[in-house]
Amino acid sequence: MRMKVSAILTGLAVAGLASAALLAASSQARDWGDRSSKMAAQCVTTPIKGTRVIDKRTLIVSDWHGNAAVLTLSGPCLDSYTTGVKMKLVGIRDEICARDDIDYVTDTSMASPGICSVTHVELMSRADAEKRAPGRGVW
């Protein structure tokens, strides 16, 4: 009888340790998931919701999740009255996180559009982006 009780207690202890280990592992996975989603939320994902031209070398793009990026271009590729911007992302990427994610940017509304590379990407929220470009059209 004594052996049975100690076997049951040992079994309960092992089960308790196993459940504690699973709980800790799921907590760590959840923390990692939260961290990765915060990092990914900073990038602008496709499809792009809107663009705003700040000047001939600066463009703001925003997505449907409230993220925005200020793109600094290598040359004066944009017109202040730009109605169409074409961006080619590198490979099969679907987000803009850094300058290496964009192959080129061009203004499709110009008669002879220039093609520019992106020299710098500054990630921010759409609210912060709107402060940098007030009254420049609807997002």
N, C-alpha and C. Protein backbone atom coordinates (compact mmCIF):
# COMPACT_ATOMS: atom_id res chain seq x y z
N MET A 1 0.82 -1.19 0.00
CA MET A 1 0.00 0.00 0.00
C MET A 1 0.87 1.26 0.00
N ARG A 2 1.93 1.19 0.81
CA ARG A 2 2.83 2.32 0.88
C ARG A 2 3.49 2.57 -0.48
N MET A 3 3.81 1.49 -1.18
CA MET A 3 4.43 1.58 -2.50
C MET A 3 3.47 2.22 -3.51
N LYS A 4 2.18 1.89 -3.40
CA LYS A 4 1.19 2.44 -4.30
C LYS A 4 1.05 3.95 -4.11
N VAL A 5 1.03 4.40 -2.88
CA VAL A 5 0.87 5.82 -2.57
C VAL A 5 2.08 6.59 -3.09
N SER A 6 3.30 6.04 -2.87
CA SER A 6 4.49 6.75 -3.34
C SER A 6 4.54 6.76 -4.87
N ALA A 7 4.07 5.72 -5.53
CA ALA A 7 4.04 5.69 -6.99
C ALA A 7 3.05 6.73 -7.52
N ILE A 8 1.92 6.87 -6.84
CA ILE A 8 0.92 7.86 -7.25
C ILE A 8 1.47 9.26 -7.05
N LEU A 9 2.12 9.50 -5.91
CA LEU A 9 2.70 10.82 -5.65
C LEU A 9 3.80 11.15 -6.65
N THR A 10 4.62 10.17 -6.98
CA THR A 10 5.67 10.38 -7.97
C THR A 10 5.06 10.70 -9.33
N GLY A 11 4.02 9.99 -9.70
CA GLY A 11 3.33 10.25 -10.97
C GLY A 11 2.74 11.65 -11.01
N LEU A 12 2.15 12.08 -9.89
CA LEU A 12 1.59 13.44 -9.82
C LEU A 12 2.68 14.48 -9.92
N ALA A 13 3.81 14.24 -9.27
CA ALA A 13 4.92 15.18 -9.32
C ALA A 13 5.47 15.31 -10.74
N VAL A 14 5.61 14.19 -11.42
CA VAL A 14 6.10 14.21 -12.81
C VAL A 14 5.11 14.93 -13.71
N ALA A 15 3.84 14.67 -13.53
CA ALA A 15 2.81 15.34 -14.33
C ALA A 15 2.82 16.84 -14.07
N GLY A 16 3.00 17.23 -12.81
CA GLY A 16 3.07 18.65 -12.46
C GLY A 16 4.27 19.33 -13.10
N LEU A 17 5.42 18.66 -13.06
CA LEU A 17 6.61 19.23 -13.69
C LEU A 17 6.44 19.35 -15.20
N ALA A 18 5.84 18.35 -15.81
CA ALA A 18 5.62 18.38 -17.26
C ALA A 18 4.68 19.51 -17.64
N SER A 19 3.61 19.70 -16.88
CA SER A 19 2.68 20.79 -17.20
C SER A 19 3.32 22.15 -16.97
N ALA A 20 4.16 22.27 -15.94
CA ALA A 20 4.87 23.53 -15.71
C ALA A 20 5.83 23.83 -16.85
N ALA A 21 6.51 22.80 -17.36
CA ALA A 21 7.43 22.99 -18.47
C ALA A 21 6.68 23.41 -19.73
N LEU A 22 5.52 22.80 -19.99
CA LEU A 22 4.71 23.19 -21.14
C LEU A 22 4.20 24.62 -21.02
N LEU A 23 3.80 24.99 -19.82
CA LEU A 23 3.31 26.35 -19.58
C LEU A 23 4.42 27.36 -19.82
N ALA A 24 5.62 27.06 -19.32
CA ALA A 24 6.75 27.97 -19.52
C ALA A 24 7.11 28.07 -20.99
N ALA A 25 7.09 26.96 -21.71
CA ALA A 25 7.42 26.97 -23.14
C ALA A 25 6.39 27.77 -23.92
N SER A 26 5.11 27.61 -23.59
CA SER A 26 4.09 28.36 -24.33
C SER A 26 4.17 29.84 -24.00
N SER A 27 4.55 30.18 -22.77
CA SER A 27 4.71 31.58 -22.39
C SER A 27 5.87 32.20 -23.16
N GLN A 28 6.98 31.45 -23.29
CA GLN A 28 8.11 31.97 -24.05
C GLN A 28 7.75 32.12 -25.51
N ALA A 29 7.01 31.19 -26.06
CA ALA A 29 6.60 31.28 -27.46
C ALA A 29 5.68 32.48 -27.66
N ARG A 30 4.79 32.70 -26.70
CA ARG A 30 3.88 33.83 -26.81
C ARG A 30 4.66 35.13 -26.74
N ASP A 31 5.65 35.24 -25.83
CA ASP A 31 6.47 36.44 -25.74
C ASP A 31 7.22 36.68 -27.04
N TRP A 32 7.78 35.62 -27.62
CA TRP A 32 8.51 35.76 -28.88
C TRP A 32 7.55 36.21 -29.98
N GLY A 33 6.36 35.64 -29.99
CA GLY A 33 5.37 36.02 -30.99
C GLY A 33 4.98 37.48 -30.86
N ASP A 34 4.80 37.96 -29.63
CA ASP A 34 4.46 39.36 -29.42
C ASP A 34 5.58 40.26 -29.93
N ARG A 35 6.82 39.89 -29.63
CA ARG A 35 7.97 40.67 -30.05
C ARG A 35 8.06 40.72 -31.57
N SER A 36 7.87 39.58 -32.21
CA SER A 36 7.99 39.54 -33.67
C SER A 36 6.86 40.33 -34.32
N SER A 37 5.67 40.28 -33.75
CA SER A 37 4.57 41.03 -34.35
C SER A 37 4.78 42.53 -34.18
N LYS A 38 5.41 42.96 -33.08
CA LYS A 38 5.71 44.38 -32.91
C LYS A 38 6.74 44.83 -33.92
N MET A 39 7.75 43.99 -34.17
CA MET A 39 8.77 44.34 -35.14
C MET A 39 8.17 44.38 -36.54
N ALA A 40 7.34 43.42 -36.89
CA ALA A 40 6.76 43.36 -38.23
C ALA A 40 5.77 44.49 -38.45
N ALA A 41 5.11 44.94 -37.39
CA ALA A 41 4.11 45.99 -37.53
C ALA A 41 4.74 47.32 -37.93
N GLN A 42 6.03 47.48 -37.73
CA GLN A 42 6.69 48.72 -38.11
C GLN A 42 6.90 48.81 -39.61
N CYS A 43 6.99 47.68 -40.29
CA CYS A 43 7.20 47.67 -41.73
C CYS A 43 5.89 48.00 -42.45
N VAL A 44 6.00 48.57 -43.63
CA VAL A 44 4.84 48.86 -44.46
C VAL A 44 4.60 47.65 -45.34
N THR A 45 3.40 47.09 -45.26
CA THR A 45 3.09 45.89 -46.03
C THR A 45 2.21 46.23 -47.23
N THR A 46 2.30 45.38 -48.23
CA THR A 46 1.45 45.56 -49.40
C THR A 46 0.11 44.89 -49.15
N PRO A 47 -0.96 45.39 -49.72
CA PRO A 47 -1.01 46.48 -50.68
C PRO A 47 -0.86 47.84 -50.00
N ILE A 48 -0.25 48.76 -50.71
CA ILE A 48 -0.05 50.12 -50.21
C ILE A 48 -1.40 50.84 -50.23
N LYS A 49 -1.71 51.51 -49.13
CA LYS A 49 -2.98 52.24 -49.05
C LYS A 49 -2.88 53.61 -49.72
N GLY A 50 -1.76 54.31 -49.49
CA GLY A 50 -1.65 55.64 -50.05
C GLY A 50 -0.22 56.13 -50.10
N THR A 51 -0.02 57.18 -50.89
CA THR A 51 1.30 57.82 -51.00
C THR A 51 1.12 59.33 -50.93
N ARG A 52 2.13 59.99 -50.44
CA ARG A 52 2.16 61.45 -50.43
C ARG A 52 3.55 61.91 -50.85
N VAL A 53 3.59 62.81 -51.80
CA VAL A 53 4.86 63.38 -52.23
C VAL A 53 5.14 64.59 -51.35
N ILE A 54 6.30 64.60 -50.71
CA ILE A 54 6.70 65.73 -49.86
C ILE A 54 7.48 66.73 -50.70
N ASP A 55 8.46 66.23 -51.43
CA ASP A 55 9.21 67.03 -52.39
C ASP A 55 9.73 66.09 -53.47
N LYS A 56 10.58 66.58 -54.37
CA LYS A 56 11.01 65.77 -55.50
C LYS A 56 11.82 64.53 -55.11
N ARG A 57 12.33 64.52 -53.88
CA ARG A 57 13.15 63.38 -53.43
C ARG A 57 12.57 62.64 -52.23
N THR A 58 11.38 63.01 -51.79
CA THR A 58 10.82 62.41 -50.58
C THR A 58 9.38 61.98 -50.81
N LEU A 59 9.10 60.74 -50.44
CA LEU A 59 7.79 60.15 -50.63
C LEU A 59 7.40 59.42 -49.34
N ILE A 60 6.14 59.57 -48.94
CA ILE A 60 5.63 58.81 -47.79
C ILE A 60 4.64 57.78 -48.32
N VAL A 61 4.80 56.54 -47.89
CA VAL A 61 3.86 55.47 -48.25
C VAL A 61 3.23 54.94 -46.97
N SER A 62 1.98 54.53 -47.05
CA SER A 62 1.30 53.97 -45.88
C SER A 62 0.55 52.72 -46.28
N ASP A 63 0.30 51.86 -45.29
CA ASP A 63 -0.45 50.63 -45.55
C ASP A 63 -1.78 50.66 -44.81
N TRP A 64 -2.52 49.57 -44.88
CA TRP A 64 -3.85 49.49 -44.28
C TRP A 64 -3.79 49.19 -42.78
N HIS A 65 -2.59 49.00 -42.23
CA HIS A 65 -2.44 48.67 -40.81
C HIS A 65 -2.01 49.85 -39.97
N GLY A 66 -1.90 51.03 -40.55
CA GLY A 66 -1.50 52.21 -39.79
C GLY A 66 -0.01 52.45 -39.77
N ASN A 67 0.75 51.75 -40.60
CA ASN A 67 2.20 51.93 -40.68
C ASN A 67 2.53 52.83 -41.85
N ALA A 68 3.63 53.55 -41.73
CA ALA A 68 4.07 54.43 -42.81
C ALA A 68 5.59 54.42 -42.88
N ALA A 69 6.09 54.82 -44.04
CA ALA A 69 7.53 54.92 -44.25
C ALA A 69 7.82 56.15 -45.08
N VAL A 70 8.83 56.90 -44.67
CA VAL A 70 9.31 58.03 -45.44
C VAL A 70 10.46 57.51 -46.28
N LEU A 71 10.33 57.60 -47.60
CA LEU A 71 11.35 57.13 -48.52
C LEU A 71 12.13 58.32 -49.06
N THR A 72 13.44 58.30 -48.89
CA THR A 72 14.30 59.31 -49.47
C THR A 72 14.89 58.72 -50.75
N LEU A 73 14.73 59.44 -51.86
CA LEU A 73 15.14 58.93 -53.17
C LEU A 73 16.52 59.46 -53.56
N SER A 74 17.14 58.77 -54.50
CA SER A 74 18.50 59.11 -54.93
C SER A 74 18.55 60.36 -55.81
N GLY A 75 17.43 60.76 -56.37
CA GLY A 75 17.41 61.94 -57.23
C GLY A 75 16.03 62.56 -57.26
N PRO A 76 15.87 63.65 -58.01
CA PRO A 76 14.57 64.32 -58.10
C PRO A 76 13.64 63.59 -59.07
N CYS A 77 13.04 62.53 -58.61
CA CYS A 77 12.21 61.67 -59.47
C CYS A 77 10.73 62.01 -59.43
N LEU A 78 10.31 62.79 -58.48
CA LEU A 78 8.88 63.04 -58.30
C LEU A 78 8.53 64.48 -58.57
N ASP A 79 7.31 64.71 -59.01
CA ASP A 79 6.78 66.04 -59.21
C ASP A 79 5.80 66.32 -58.08
N SER A 80 5.64 67.56 -57.72
CA SER A 80 4.73 67.88 -56.60
C SER A 80 3.28 67.57 -56.94
N TYR A 81 2.97 67.41 -58.23
CA TYR A 81 1.61 67.09 -58.65
C TYR A 81 1.48 65.63 -59.07
N THR A 82 2.32 64.78 -58.54
CA THR A 82 2.33 63.37 -58.91
C THR A 82 0.98 62.73 -58.62
N THR A 83 0.47 62.05 -59.62
CA THR A 83 -0.78 61.31 -59.43
C THR A 83 -0.56 59.81 -59.43
N GLY A 84 0.62 59.37 -59.83
CA GLY A 84 0.89 57.95 -59.85
C GLY A 84 2.35 57.65 -59.54
N VAL A 85 2.57 56.77 -58.60
CA VAL A 85 3.91 56.35 -58.22
C VAL A 85 4.00 54.85 -58.40
N LYS A 86 5.06 54.42 -59.05
CA LYS A 86 5.30 52.98 -59.22
C LYS A 86 6.53 52.61 -58.41
N MET A 87 6.38 51.57 -57.59
CA MET A 87 7.50 51.03 -56.82
C MET A 87 7.65 49.57 -57.16
N LYS A 88 8.86 49.16 -57.41
CA LYS A 88 9.11 47.74 -57.65
C LYS A 88 9.87 47.20 -56.45
N LEU A 89 9.24 46.26 -55.75
CA LEU A 89 9.89 45.64 -54.61
C LEU A 89 10.84 44.55 -55.10
N VAL A 90 11.87 44.30 -54.34
CA VAL A 90 12.88 43.31 -54.71
C VAL A 90 12.31 41.90 -54.52
N GLY A 91 12.48 41.07 -55.54
CA GLY A 91 12.06 39.67 -55.44
C GLY A 91 10.58 39.52 -55.18
N ILE A 92 10.25 38.65 -54.23
CA ILE A 92 8.84 38.41 -53.90
C ILE A 92 8.46 39.02 -52.56
N ARG A 93 9.18 40.02 -52.14
CA ARG A 93 8.89 40.67 -50.86
C ARG A 93 7.55 41.37 -50.92
N ASP A 94 6.91 41.43 -49.75
CA ASP A 94 5.62 42.10 -49.68
C ASP A 94 5.58 43.16 -48.59
N GLU A 95 6.77 43.61 -48.17
CA GLU A 95 6.82 44.66 -47.16
C GLU A 95 8.05 45.54 -47.38
N ILE A 96 7.94 46.77 -46.88
CA ILE A 96 9.04 47.72 -46.96
C ILE A 96 9.54 47.95 -45.53
N CYS A 97 10.74 47.49 -45.27
CA CYS A 97 11.36 47.67 -43.95
C CYS A 97 12.66 48.46 -44.05
N ALA A 98 13.34 48.32 -45.18
CA ALA A 98 14.64 48.97 -45.37
C ALA A 98 14.80 49.33 -46.85
N ARG A 99 15.81 50.09 -47.16
CA ARG A 99 16.01 50.55 -48.54
C ARG A 99 16.27 49.40 -49.50
N ASP A 100 16.82 48.31 -49.01
CA ASP A 100 17.11 47.16 -49.86
C ASP A 100 15.85 46.40 -50.29
N ASP A 101 14.71 46.73 -49.72
CA ASP A 101 13.45 46.06 -50.08
C ASP A 101 12.84 46.62 -51.37
N ILE A 102 13.30 47.80 -51.81
CA ILE A 102 12.72 48.46 -52.98
C ILE A 102 13.76 48.52 -54.09
N ASP A 103 13.38 48.02 -55.27
CA ASP A 103 14.29 48.05 -56.41
C ASP A 103 14.36 49.47 -56.99
N TYR A 104 13.19 50.06 -57.27
CA TYR A 104 13.17 51.43 -57.78
C TYR A 104 11.81 52.07 -57.53
N VAL A 105 11.79 53.41 -57.68
CA VAL A 105 10.57 54.22 -57.58
C VAL A 105 10.55 55.13 -58.80
N THR A 106 9.39 55.28 -59.41
CA THR A 106 9.25 56.18 -60.55
C THR A 106 7.89 56.88 -60.51
N ASP A 107 7.83 58.05 -61.12
CA ASP A 107 6.60 58.84 -61.21
C ASP A 107 5.94 58.51 -62.54
N THR A 108 4.80 57.85 -62.50
CA THR A 108 4.13 57.44 -63.74
C THR A 108 3.35 58.56 -64.41
N SER A 109 3.20 59.70 -63.74
CA SER A 109 2.41 60.79 -64.33
C SER A 109 3.28 61.75 -65.13
N MET A 110 4.59 61.58 -65.12
CA MET A 110 5.49 62.46 -65.88
C MET A 110 5.63 61.94 -67.31
N ALA A 111 5.87 62.86 -68.26
CA ALA A 111 6.02 62.47 -69.66
C ALA A 111 7.23 61.56 -69.84
N SER A 112 8.33 61.89 -69.22
CA SER A 112 9.52 61.03 -69.27
C SER A 112 9.98 60.80 -67.82
N PRO A 113 9.41 59.79 -67.19
CA PRO A 113 9.69 59.58 -65.76
C PRO A 113 11.13 59.12 -65.51
N GLY A 114 11.67 59.63 -64.43
CA GLY A 114 12.98 59.17 -64.00
C GLY A 114 12.82 57.98 -63.07
N ILE A 115 13.84 57.17 -63.02
CA ILE A 115 13.82 56.01 -62.13
C ILE A 115 14.85 56.25 -61.04
N CYS A 116 14.43 56.16 -59.80
CA CYS A 116 15.32 56.41 -58.68
C CYS A 116 15.38 55.22 -57.74
N SER A 117 16.51 55.09 -57.11
CA SER A 117 16.62 54.10 -56.04
C SER A 117 16.30 54.79 -54.72
N VAL A 118 16.08 54.00 -53.70
CA VAL A 118 15.78 54.53 -52.37
C VAL A 118 17.08 54.53 -51.56
N THR A 119 17.42 55.68 -51.00
CA THR A 119 18.66 55.78 -50.22
C THR A 119 18.42 55.64 -48.73
N HIS A 120 17.18 55.90 -48.28
CA HIS A 120 16.90 55.81 -46.85
C HIS A 120 15.41 55.53 -46.64
N VAL A 121 15.10 54.71 -45.64
CA VAL A 121 13.71 54.43 -45.25
C VAL A 121 13.58 54.73 -43.77
N GLU A 122 12.62 55.59 -43.43
CA GLU A 122 12.33 55.90 -42.03
C GLU A 122 10.92 55.39 -41.72
N LEU A 123 10.82 54.40 -40.84
CA LEU A 123 9.53 53.81 -40.48
C LEU A 123 8.88 54.61 -39.37
N MET A 124 7.55 54.75 -39.44
CA MET A 124 6.79 55.48 -38.41
C MET A 124 5.32 55.12 -38.51
N SER A 125 4.54 55.64 -37.60
CA SER A 125 3.09 55.42 -37.65
C SER A 125 2.49 56.38 -38.69
N ARG A 126 1.29 56.07 -39.14
CA ARG A 126 0.62 56.95 -40.10
C ARG A 126 0.33 58.31 -39.48
N ALA A 127 0.02 58.33 -38.18
CA ALA A 127 -0.25 59.60 -37.50
C ALA A 127 0.99 60.50 -37.52
N ASP A 128 2.16 59.92 -37.27
CA ASP A 128 3.40 60.69 -37.33
C ASP A 128 3.68 61.16 -38.76
N ALA A 129 3.38 60.30 -39.73
CA ALA A 129 3.59 60.66 -41.13
C ALA A 129 2.69 61.82 -41.53
N GLU A 130 1.45 61.82 -41.05
CA GLU A 130 0.53 62.91 -41.38
C GLU A 130 1.01 64.24 -40.82
N LYS A 131 1.70 64.21 -39.68
CA LYS A 131 2.27 65.43 -39.11
C LYS A 131 3.37 65.99 -40.01
N ARG A 132 4.07 65.11 -40.72
CA ARG A 132 5.15 65.55 -41.62
C ARG A 132 4.61 66.06 -42.94
N ALA A 133 3.39 65.68 -43.29
CA ALA A 133 2.81 66.09 -44.57
C ALA A 133 1.35 66.50 -44.40
N PRO A 134 1.08 67.54 -43.62
CA PRO A 134 -0.33 67.92 -43.41
C PRO A 134 -0.94 68.50 -44.68
N GLY A 135 -2.20 68.15 -44.90
CA GLY A 135 -2.92 68.73 -46.03
C GLY A 135 -2.42 68.32 -47.40
N ARG A 136 -1.81 67.18 -47.50
CA ARG A 136 -1.28 66.72 -48.79
C ARG A 136 -2.14 65.61 -49.40
N GLY A 137 -3.42 65.68 -49.25
CA GLY A 137 -4.30 64.70 -49.86
C GLY A 137 -4.76 63.63 -48.88
N VAL A 138 -5.66 62.80 -49.36
CA VAL A 138 -6.25 61.74 -48.56
C VAL A 138 -5.33 60.54 -48.55
N TRP A 139 -5.24 59.89 -47.41
CA TRP A 139 -4.44 58.65 -47.34
C TRP A 139 -5.24 57.60 -47.99
